[in-house]
Protein backbone atom coordinates (compact mmCIF):
# COMPACT_ATOMS: atom_id res chain seq x y z
CA MET A 1 0.00 0.00 0.00
CA ARG A 2 2.81 2.40 0.89
CA GLY A 3 4.47 1.68 -2.46
CA GLN A 4 1.19 2.33 -4.29
CA SER A 5 0.72 5.64 -2.45
CA LEU A 6 4.22 6.79 -3.36
CA THR A 7 3.61 5.82 -6.98
CA ALA A 8 0.34 7.76 -7.00
CA LEU A 9 2.02 10.82 -5.50
CA ALA A 10 4.79 10.62 -8.08
CA LEU A 11 2.20 10.44 -10.85
CA VAL A 12 0.33 13.49 -9.54
CA ALA A 13 3.59 15.41 -9.25
CA SER A 14 4.59 14.47 -12.78
CA LEU A 15 1.23 15.59 -14.14
CA GLY A 16 1.42 18.93 -12.28
CA ALA A 17 5.02 19.63 -13.22
CA PRO A 18 4.42 20.48 -16.90
CA ALA A 19 1.72 23.01 -15.99
CA ALA A 20 3.98 24.74 -13.48
CA ALA A 21 6.87 24.66 -15.93
CA ASN A 22 4.66 26.09 -18.67
CA ALA A 23 3.70 29.03 -16.46
CA GLN A 24 7.34 29.64 -15.55
CA ASN A 25 8.49 29.59 -19.17
CA PHE A 26 5.45 31.10 -20.85
CA TYR A 27 6.35 34.77 -20.46
CA GLU A 28 9.84 34.63 -21.93
CA GLY A 29 9.90 36.90 -24.99
CA LYS A 30 6.28 37.92 -24.45
CA THR A 31 4.71 41.38 -24.19
CA VAL A 32 2.17 41.90 -21.41
CA ARG A 33 -0.32 44.69 -21.98
CA MET A 34 -1.70 46.61 -19.02
CA ILE A 35 -5.04 48.08 -20.10
CA VAL A 36 -5.81 51.16 -17.99
CA GLY A 37 -9.51 51.96 -17.83
CA SER A 38 -8.94 55.72 -17.72
CA ASP A 39 -7.11 58.48 -19.56
CA ALA A 40 -3.39 59.10 -19.34
CA GLY A 41 -2.28 61.47 -16.60
CA GLY A 42 -4.62 60.41 -13.80
CA GLY A 43 -3.89 58.43 -10.66
CA PHE A 44 -4.81 55.02 -12.10
CA ASP A 45 -2.56 55.63 -15.09
CA THR A 46 0.28 56.80 -12.82
CA PHE A 47 0.16 53.61 -10.76
CA ALA A 48 -0.15 51.30 -13.78
CA ARG A 49 2.91 52.85 -15.41
CA LEU A 50 4.80 52.55 -12.13
CA PHE A 51 4.15 48.80 -11.97
CA ALA A 52 4.86 48.37 -15.68
CA ARG A 53 8.36 49.74 -15.07
CA HIS A 54 9.13 47.14 -12.41
CA LEU A 55 7.05 43.99 -12.86
CA ASP A 56 9.36 42.47 -15.47
CA ARG A 57 11.87 41.74 -12.68
CA PHE A 58 9.32 39.59 -10.84
CA VAL A 59 7.73 37.59 -13.66
CA PRO A 60 9.82 34.59 -14.81
CA GLY A 61 11.00 35.19 -18.35
CA ALA A 62 11.13 38.98 -17.87
CA PRO A 63 8.36 39.91 -20.32
CA THR A 64 8.01 43.45 -21.61
CA PHE A 65 5.16 45.39 -19.96
CA VAL A 66 3.41 48.11 -21.96
CA VAL A 67 0.57 50.37 -20.88
CA GLN A 68 -2.45 51.16 -23.05
CA ASN A 69 -5.27 53.49 -22.07
CA MET A 70 -8.85 52.43 -22.76
CA PRO A 71 -11.12 54.95 -21.01
CA GLY A 72 -14.89 54.84 -20.98
CA ALA A 73 -17.80 53.73 -18.78
CA GLY A 74 -15.83 54.24 -15.59
CA SER A 75 -13.28 51.64 -16.78
CA GLY A 76 -16.12 49.33 -17.81
CA ASN A 77 -14.86 49.37 -21.40
CA ALA A 78 -11.46 48.06 -20.30
CA ALA A 79 -13.03 45.42 -18.05
CA ALA A 80 -15.35 44.25 -20.84
CA TYR A 81 -12.43 44.10 -23.29
CA VAL A 82 -10.34 41.94 -20.95
CA ALA A 83 -13.31 39.73 -20.07
CA ASN A 84 -14.60 39.23 -23.61
CA ALA A 85 -12.21 40.17 -26.42
CA ALA A 86 -8.61 40.16 -25.20
CA PRO A 87 -6.38 37.06 -25.32
CA LYS A 88 -7.09 34.75 -22.39
CA ASP A 89 -3.51 33.61 -21.95
CA GLY A 90 -2.39 35.97 -19.17
CA THR A 91 -0.78 38.55 -21.46
CA VAL A 92 -3.46 41.19 -20.82
CA ILE A 93 -4.00 42.73 -17.38
CA ALA A 94 -6.70 45.29 -16.63
CA ALA A 95 -6.04 48.23 -14.29
CA LEU A 96 -9.56 49.16 -13.28
CA ASN A 97 -11.58 51.76 -11.44
CA PRO A 98 -13.42 50.07 -8.55
CA GLY A 99 -16.58 51.99 -9.47
CA GLY A 100 -16.51 50.33 -12.87
CA LEU A 101 -16.34 46.94 -11.18
CA ILE A 102 -19.47 47.45 -9.10
CA ALA A 103 -21.42 49.10 -11.94
CA PRO A 104 -22.64 45.72 -13.29
CA LEU A 105 -24.16 45.05 -9.86
CA PHE A 106 -26.60 47.84 -10.65
CA ALA A 107 -26.89 47.32 -14.40
CA GLY A 108 -28.70 43.97 -14.26
CA ARG A 109 -29.14 42.42 -17.68
CA GLY A 110 -27.32 45.28 -19.40
CA ALA A 111 -23.95 44.37 -17.90
CA LYS A 112 -21.18 43.74 -20.44
CA PHE A 113 -19.02 41.64 -18.11
CA ASP A 114 -19.29 39.72 -14.86
CA ALA A 115 -17.05 41.42 -12.31
CA ALA A 116 -17.41 38.53 -9.86
CA LYS A 117 -15.83 36.15 -12.40
CA LEU A 118 -12.76 38.22 -13.25
CA GLN A 119 -9.61 36.95 -11.54
CA TYR A 120 -7.99 39.58 -9.36
CA LEU A 121 -4.23 39.78 -8.94
CA ALA A 122 -3.94 42.51 -6.31
CA SER A 123 -4.99 45.98 -5.31
CA ALA A 124 -2.45 48.71 -4.77
CA ASP A 125 -4.48 50.99 -2.55
CA THR A 126 -7.01 51.01 0.25
CA THR A 127 -8.15 54.50 -0.31
CA ALA A 128 -10.31 57.39 0.78
CA ARG A 129 -12.26 59.45 -1.71
CA VAL A 130 -12.85 63.15 -1.29
CA CYS A 131 -15.06 65.94 -2.56
CA PHE A 132 -13.25 69.26 -2.89
CA THR A 133 -13.41 72.78 -4.29
CA MET A 134 -10.78 75.41 -4.98
CA LYS A 135 -9.59 77.35 -1.95
CA ASN A 136 -10.69 80.70 -3.40
CA GLY A 137 -14.18 79.45 -4.24
CA PRO A 138 -17.38 80.28 -2.32
CA ILE A 139 -18.09 76.69 -1.18
CA LYS A 140 -15.67 75.76 1.57
CA THR A 141 -17.44 73.18 3.75
CA ALA A 142 -20.05 70.43 3.58
CA LYS A 143 -22.50 72.75 5.31
CA ASP A 144 -21.96 75.33 2.55
CA ALA A 145 -22.74 72.63 -0.03
CA GLN A 146 -25.94 71.66 1.80
CA THR A 147 -27.26 75.22 1.59
CA ASN A 148 -25.82 76.51 -1.72
CA GLU A 149 -25.76 74.99 -5.21
CA VAL A 150 -22.37 73.64 -6.28
CA ILE A 151 -21.46 72.81 -9.90
CA ILE A 152 -19.70 69.44 -9.81
CA GLY A 153 -17.78 68.02 -12.79
CA ALA A 154 -18.20 64.30 -13.48
CA GLY A 155 -17.27 61.60 -15.96
CA ALA A 156 -19.39 58.77 -17.31
CA VAL A 157 -21.85 56.53 -15.49
CA GLY A 158 -19.85 54.09 -13.38
CA SER A 159 -16.90 56.42 -12.85
CA SER A 160 -16.17 57.41 -9.27
CA SER A 161 -16.63 61.10 -10.12
CA PHE A 162 -20.16 60.37 -11.37
CA ASP A 163 -21.23 57.83 -8.76
CA TYR A 164 -19.90 59.67 -5.72
CA ALA A 165 -21.37 63.01 -6.81
CA TYR A 166 -24.84 61.50 -7.04
CA MET A 167 -24.31 59.46 -3.87
CA HIS A 168 -23.56 62.58 -1.84
CA GLN A 169 -26.44 64.42 -3.48
CA ARG A 170 -28.89 61.67 -2.50
CA LEU A 171 -27.53 60.36 0.79
CA ASN A 172 -25.87 63.46 2.27
CA ASN A 173 -28.20 66.22 1.02
CA MET A 174 -25.51 68.01 -0.96
CA ARG A 175 -26.92 70.59 -3.39
CA PHE A 176 -24.82 69.39 -6.29
CA LYS A 177 -25.58 70.40 -9.86
CA ILE A 178 -23.76 67.65 -11.71
CA VAL A 179 -22.22 68.29 -15.14
CA ALA A 180 -21.30 64.89 -16.56
CA GLY A 181 -19.46 63.84 -19.70
CA TYR A 182 -15.82 64.65 -18.97
CA LYS A 183 -13.38 62.03 -20.24
CA GLY A 184 -11.70 61.41 -16.91
CA MET A 185 -10.42 62.83 -13.64
CA ALA A 186 -7.52 64.61 -15.33
CA ASP A 187 -9.95 66.60 -17.50
CA ILE A 188 -12.26 67.36 -14.58
CA LEU A 189 -9.35 68.61 -12.50
CA LEU A 190 -8.31 70.94 -15.32
CA ALA A 191 -11.92 72.15 -15.61
CA LEU A 192 -11.92 72.90 -11.88
CA GLU A 193 -8.69 74.84 -12.14
CA ARG A 194 -10.06 76.81 -15.13
CA GLY A 195 -13.26 77.64 -13.24
CA GLU A 196 -15.59 75.64 -15.54
CA VAL A 197 -16.87 73.71 -12.51
CA GLN A 198 -16.73 74.42 -8.79
CA GLY A 199 -15.94 71.00 -7.40
CA ILE A 200 -15.07 67.33 -7.87
CA CYS A 201 -16.27 64.28 -5.94
CA GLY A 202 -14.93 60.76 -5.73
CA TYR A 203 -11.30 61.74 -6.28
CA ASP A 204 -8.88 59.25 -4.79
CA TRP A 205 -6.92 60.97 -2.01
CA THR A 206 -3.60 59.31 -2.79
CA GLY A 207 -4.15 59.97 -6.50
CA LEU A 208 -4.75 63.67 -5.86
CA LYS A 209 -1.53 63.87 -3.87
CA ALA A 210 0.27 62.16 -6.75
CA VAL A 211 -0.97 64.40 -9.57
CA ARG A 212 -1.11 67.73 -7.65
CA PRO A 213 1.42 67.32 -4.82
CA GLN A 214 2.36 71.00 -4.59
CA MET A 215 -1.25 72.21 -4.58
CA VAL A 216 -2.16 69.71 -1.85
CA SER A 217 0.84 70.69 0.28
CA GLU A 218 0.09 74.41 -0.20
CA GLY A 219 -3.57 74.01 0.80
CA ALA A 220 -5.07 74.90 -2.58
CA PHE A 221 -8.29 72.93 -1.99
CA ASN A 222 -11.26 72.91 0.37
CA TYR A 223 -12.21 69.34 1.30
CA LEU A 224 -15.95 69.00 1.81
CA LEU A 225 -16.37 65.28 2.50
CA GLN A 226 -14.43 62.07 2.74
CA VAL A 227 -15.51 58.46 2.33
CA ALA A 228 -13.00 56.34 4.18
CA VAL A 229 -13.26 52.73 5.31
CA GLU A 230 -10.28 53.25 7.60
CA PRO A 231 -9.37 56.59 9.26
CA VAL A 232 -7.09 58.83 7.20
CA PRO A 233 -5.00 60.91 9.64
CA GLU A 234 -4.27 63.67 7.13
CA LEU A 235 -7.96 64.22 6.34
CA ASP A 236 -9.02 63.85 9.96
CA ALA A 237 -6.42 66.47 10.95
CA LEU A 238 -7.98 68.83 8.41
CA GLY A 239 -11.40 68.29 9.98
CA VAL A 240 -12.92 66.73 6.85
CA PRO A 241 -16.24 65.07 7.83
CA ASN A 242 -16.90 61.45 6.96
CA ALA A 243 -19.93 60.99 4.72
CA GLU A 244 -21.29 58.28 7.01
CA ASP A 245 -21.71 60.85 9.78
CA LEU A 246 -23.97 62.91 7.48
CA THR A 247 -26.10 59.94 6.42
CA ALA A 248 -29.52 60.05 8.03
CA ASN A 249 -31.00 56.54 8.34
CA ALA A 250 -30.03 52.87 8.56
CA GLN A 251 -31.05 52.02 5.00
CA ASP A 252 -28.96 54.86 3.58
CA LYS A 253 -26.01 53.86 5.77
CA ALA A 254 -26.21 50.28 4.42
CA ALA A 255 -26.25 51.62 0.85
CA LEU A 256 -23.27 53.87 1.60
CA GLU A 257 -21.40 50.92 3.14
CA LEU A 258 -21.98 48.84 0.00
CA LEU A 259 -20.80 51.64 -2.27
CA ALA A 260 -17.81 52.42 -0.05
CA GLY A 261 -16.74 48.77 0.04
CA GLN A 262 -15.01 49.31 -3.29
CA GLN A 263 -12.43 51.47 -1.53
CA LEU A 264 -10.88 48.38 0.01
CA PHE A 265 -9.76 47.60 -3.55
CA GLY A 266 -8.88 51.11 -4.60
CA ARG A 267 -6.57 50.12 -7.48
CA PRO A 268 -7.41 46.59 -8.62
CA TYR A 269 -5.64 44.57 -11.31
CA ALA A 270 -7.42 41.66 -12.99
CA VAL A 271 -7.22 39.11 -15.78
CA ALA A 272 -9.90 37.21 -17.68
CA PRO A 273 -11.81 34.32 -16.05
CA GLU A 274 -10.22 31.85 -18.47
CA VAL A 275 -6.58 32.52 -17.53
CA THR A 276 -5.19 29.31 -16.06
CA ALA A 277 -4.68 28.98 -12.31
CA ASP A 278 -0.90 28.58 -12.60
CA LYS A 279 -0.54 31.90 -14.45
CA VAL A 280 -2.88 33.65 -12.02
CA ALA A 281 -0.79 32.37 -9.10
CA LEU A 282 2.42 33.50 -10.81
CA LEU A 283 1.07 37.00 -11.48
CA ARG A 284 -0.35 37.33 -7.98
CA LYS A 285 3.08 36.51 -6.55
CA ALA A 286 4.70 39.05 -8.89
CA PHE A 287 2.37 41.81 -7.65
CA ALA A 288 2.93 40.79 -4.02
CA ASP A 289 6.71 40.91 -4.52
CA VAL A 290 6.85 44.14 -6.50
CA MET A 291 4.85 46.07 -3.90
CA LYS A 292 7.51 45.39 -1.26
CA ASP A 293 10.47 45.92 -3.60
CA LYS A 294 12.90 48.58 -2.39
CA VAL A 295 13.59 49.94 -5.89
CA LEU A 296 9.89 50.47 -6.52
CA LEU A 297 9.27 51.86 -3.02
CA ASP A 298 12.07 54.39 -3.48
CA GLU A 299 10.31 55.61 -6.63
CA VAL A 300 6.99 55.65 -4.78
CA GLU A 301 8.53 57.94 -2.18
CA LYS A 302 9.96 60.27 -4.83
CA LEU A 303 6.56 60.47 -6.54
CA LYS A 304 4.86 61.10 -3.17
CA LEU A 305 2.55 58.13 -3.71
CA THR A 306 1.14 55.68 -1.20
CA ILE A 307 0.81 51.92 -1.70
CA SER A 308 -1.45 49.77 0.43
CA TYR A 309 -1.32 46.20 -0.88
CA ALA A 310 -4.31 43.86 -0.82
CA PRO A 311 -3.84 40.32 -2.18
CA GLY A 312 -5.88 39.16 -5.13
CA GLU A 313 -7.65 36.47 -3.12
CA GLN A 314 -8.95 39.11 -0.69
CA VAL A 315 -10.17 41.36 -3.50
CA GLN A 316 -11.87 38.39 -5.16
CA ALA A 317 -13.71 37.43 -1.96
CA LEU A 318 -14.88 41.00 -1.27
CA ILE A 319 -16.23 41.57 -4.78
CA GLN A 320 -18.10 38.28 -4.66
CA LYS A 321 -19.54 39.27 -1.27
CA MET A 322 -20.72 42.63 -2.65
CA TYR A 323 -22.46 40.88 -5.53
CA ALA A 324 -24.28 38.71 -2.97
CA ALA A 325 -25.68 41.74 -1.05
CA PRO A 326 -29.43 41.82 -0.24
CA ALA A 327 -31.59 43.09 -3.09
CA SER A 328 -33.04 45.92 -0.97
CA VAL A 329 -29.58 47.32 -0.21
CA VAL A 330 -28.52 47.01 -3.85
CA GLU A 331 -31.67 48.83 -4.98
CA ARG A 332 -31.13 51.72 -2.56
CA ALA A 333 -27.47 52.00 -3.58
CA ARG A 334 -28.51 51.95 -7.25
CA ASP A 335 -31.02 54.74 -6.65
CA ALA A 336 -28.32 56.77 -4.89
CA ILE A 337 -25.88 56.85 -7.82
CA ARG A 338 -28.12 57.10 -10.87
CA PRO A 339 -29.87 60.20 -12.22
């Protein structure tokens, strides 16, 4: 019996070895495309390009990483491309907006991809999202925005700028007049600085510090609200109220909690459902290793960025949990973020 068991184990090992070897050797000479679901110049693009510069050292075979921008539908276009049209061999990675990943939860039959079936490699940020205006503008606090109309710039349905603006309008009684249709956060930020709009909502705090470090350090913005799963000392020190504290009833709080859950995966990276388990495991390890790499962390410090790693397995479990939320909570959250 012992001899038979050893023979069986040897057979299993021999069957598994080619798959592992294939994953180890697959990427040699390959190009891996990172599809960013937003325009160039924003926080998501900044982080994707950062990882693209360093991941080759952590993937066996040292493939070439290139970044391509595919904005639209709050990164839903990029997610749908990776899920449906892109090669399913692990050579295409999506860098997605978390709002775009929960959008299908509210879209029902109109969804173009199943976010719960994508395979997540990691998230690079557990983030807070802020609403803010320019320092010299008339709206300086949340109370001002509850009593005076504020013109808020926003992107497409499913983008954080769109969803959070409507969420605060509905759940926190903000008098936001929302002007949608901007291509991405970079364009909205320019519109704010030009005076076309008065404010932005749903901007990632670490992303804002990355793209406008001097303006943040010089106090160029008024921060009206924050949505933070974990306390953010910098925002708390500035006295920025948490949206949950301005939410009136239990049903609205549950809807806000569902919508805010996406912030635990503030910068997620994913591959198609069909990518084999050995390649997913290899890429997950590469992301885990690169996010603690001294060379990358030195660059992170120079760029004044912040990385908060979440493993792909954790992101996967959370997204699947969100998609299993009670229908009543999903409906209230849907009502909160749609015109």
